[in-house]
Amino acid sequence: MRILVVGTGGVGAAFAAIAVRRSFFEHCALADYDPARPKAVADDLDDSRISAHQVDAS
């Protein structure tokens, strides 16, 4: 399963932190308007299944 999380504020970051403890997914893309936010979350989690991306979903 591949997952896209749009928004890496409190809820998105919490989801990612919980998800890395699970084995049910092969990849999780974290996306936010501010590219520093998903990068910070991905760097903190240090899991090769997590990637960070910039997106404007407005």
C-alpha atoms as a PDB file:
ATOM      1  CA  MET A   1       0.000   0.000   0.000  1.00  0.00           C
ATOM      2  CA  ARG A   2       1.185   3.513  -0.820  1.00  0.00           C
ATOM      3  CA  ILE A   3      -0.036   6.465   1.257  1.00  0.00           C
ATOM      4  CA  LEU A   4      -0.156  10.213   0.570  1.00  0.00           C
ATOM      5  CA  VAL A   5      -0.498  12.525   3.572  1.00  0.00           C
ATOM      6  CA  VAL A   6      -1.343  16.102   2.583  1.00  0.00           C
ATOM      7  CA  GLY A   7      -0.409  18.411   5.430  1.00  0.00           C
ATOM      8  CA  THR A   8       2.343  17.741   7.946  1.00  0.00           C
ATOM      9  CA  GLY A   9       1.105  19.775  10.880  1.00  0.00           C
ATOM     10  CA  GLY A  10       0.151  18.059  14.122  1.00  0.00           C
ATOM     11  CA  VAL A  11      -2.151  15.401  12.668  1.00  0.00           C
ATOM     12  CA  GLY A  12      -0.008  14.556   9.626  1.00  0.00           C
ATOM     13  CA  ALA A  13       3.169  14.333  11.696  1.00  0.00           C
ATOM     14  CA  ALA A  14       1.418  12.170  14.311  1.00  0.00           C
ATOM     15  CA  PHE A  15       0.067   9.853  11.603  1.00  0.00           C
ATOM     16  CA  ALA A  16       3.549   9.414  10.142  1.00  0.00           C
ATOM     17  CA  ALA A  17       5.089   8.721  13.557  1.00  0.00           C
ATOM     18  CA  ILE A  18       2.530   5.979  14.199  1.00  0.00           C
ATOM     19  CA  ALA A  19       2.732   4.585  10.650  1.00  0.00           C
ATOM     20  CA  VAL A  20       6.487   3.930  10.770  1.00  0.00           C
ATOM     21  CA  ARG A  21       5.855   1.462  13.599  1.00  0.00           C
ATOM     22  CA  ARG A  22       3.632  -0.588  11.282  1.00  0.00           C
ATOM     23  CA  SER A  23       4.495  -2.884   8.374  1.00  0.00           C
ATOM     24  CA  PHE A  24       1.265  -2.582   6.343  1.00  0.00           C
ATOM     25  CA  PHE A  25       2.572   0.000   3.846  1.00  0.00           C
ATOM     26  CA  GLU A  26       5.440   0.125   1.383  1.00  0.00           C
ATOM     27  CA  HIS A  27       5.710   3.919   1.014  1.00  0.00           C
ATOM     28  CA  CYS A  28       4.274   7.072   2.605  1.00  0.00           C
ATOM     29  CA  ALA A  29       4.668  10.434   0.861  1.00  0.00           C
ATOM     30  CA  LEU A  30       4.369  13.445   3.157  1.00  0.00           C
ATOM     31  CA  ALA A  31       3.353  16.651   1.375  1.00  0.00           C
ATOM     32  CA  ASP A  32       2.912  20.247   2.510  1.00  0.00           C
ATOM     33  CA  TYR A  33       2.907  23.733   0.988  1.00  0.00           C
ATOM     34  CA  ASP A  34       6.027  24.543   3.026  1.00  0.00           C
ATOM     35  CA  PRO A  35       8.651  22.002   1.891  1.00  0.00           C
ATOM     36  CA  ALA A  36      10.560  22.309   5.172  1.00  0.00           C
ATOM     37  CA  ARG A  37       7.698  20.775   7.183  1.00  0.00           C
ATOM     38  CA  PRO A  38       7.498  17.320   5.548  1.00  0.00           C
ATOM     39  CA  LYS A  39      11.292  17.219   5.269  1.00  0.00           C
ATOM     40  CA  ALA A  40      11.638  17.825   9.017  1.00  0.00           C
ATOM     41  CA  VAL A  41       9.132  15.060   9.807  1.00  0.00           C
ATOM     42  CA  ALA A  42      10.785  12.621   7.388  1.00  0.00           C
ATOM     43  CA  ASP A  43      14.248  13.441   8.749  1.00  0.00           C
ATOM     44  CA  ASP A  44      13.077  12.898  12.339  1.00  0.00           C
ATOM     45  CA  LEU A  45      11.520   9.523  11.483  1.00  0.00           C
ATOM     46  CA  ASP A  46      14.559   8.294   9.514  1.00  0.00           C
ATOM     47  CA  ASP A  47      12.632   5.575   7.649  1.00  0.00           C
ATOM     48  CA  SER A  48      13.342   4.836   3.976  1.00  0.00           C
ATOM     49  CA  ARG A  49       9.605   4.307   3.362  1.00  0.00           C
ATOM     50  CA  ILE A  50       8.891   7.999   4.102  1.00  0.00           C
ATOM     51  CA  SER A  51       9.503  10.758   1.557  1.00  0.00           C
ATOM     52  CA  ALA A  52       8.919  14.524   1.679  1.00  0.00           C
ATOM     53  CA  HIS A  53       7.321  16.622  -1.058  1.00  0.00           C
ATOM     54  CA  GLN A  54       6.090  20.165  -1.662  1.00  0.00           C
ATOM     55  CA  VAL A  55       2.522  20.559  -2.937  1.00  0.00           C
ATOM     56  CA  ASP A  56       0.086  23.450  -3.357  1.00  0.00           C
ATOM     57  CA  ALA A  57      -3.342  21.896  -2.771  1.00  0.00           C
ATOM     58  CA  SER A  58      -5.238  25.201  -2.754  1.00  0.00           C
END
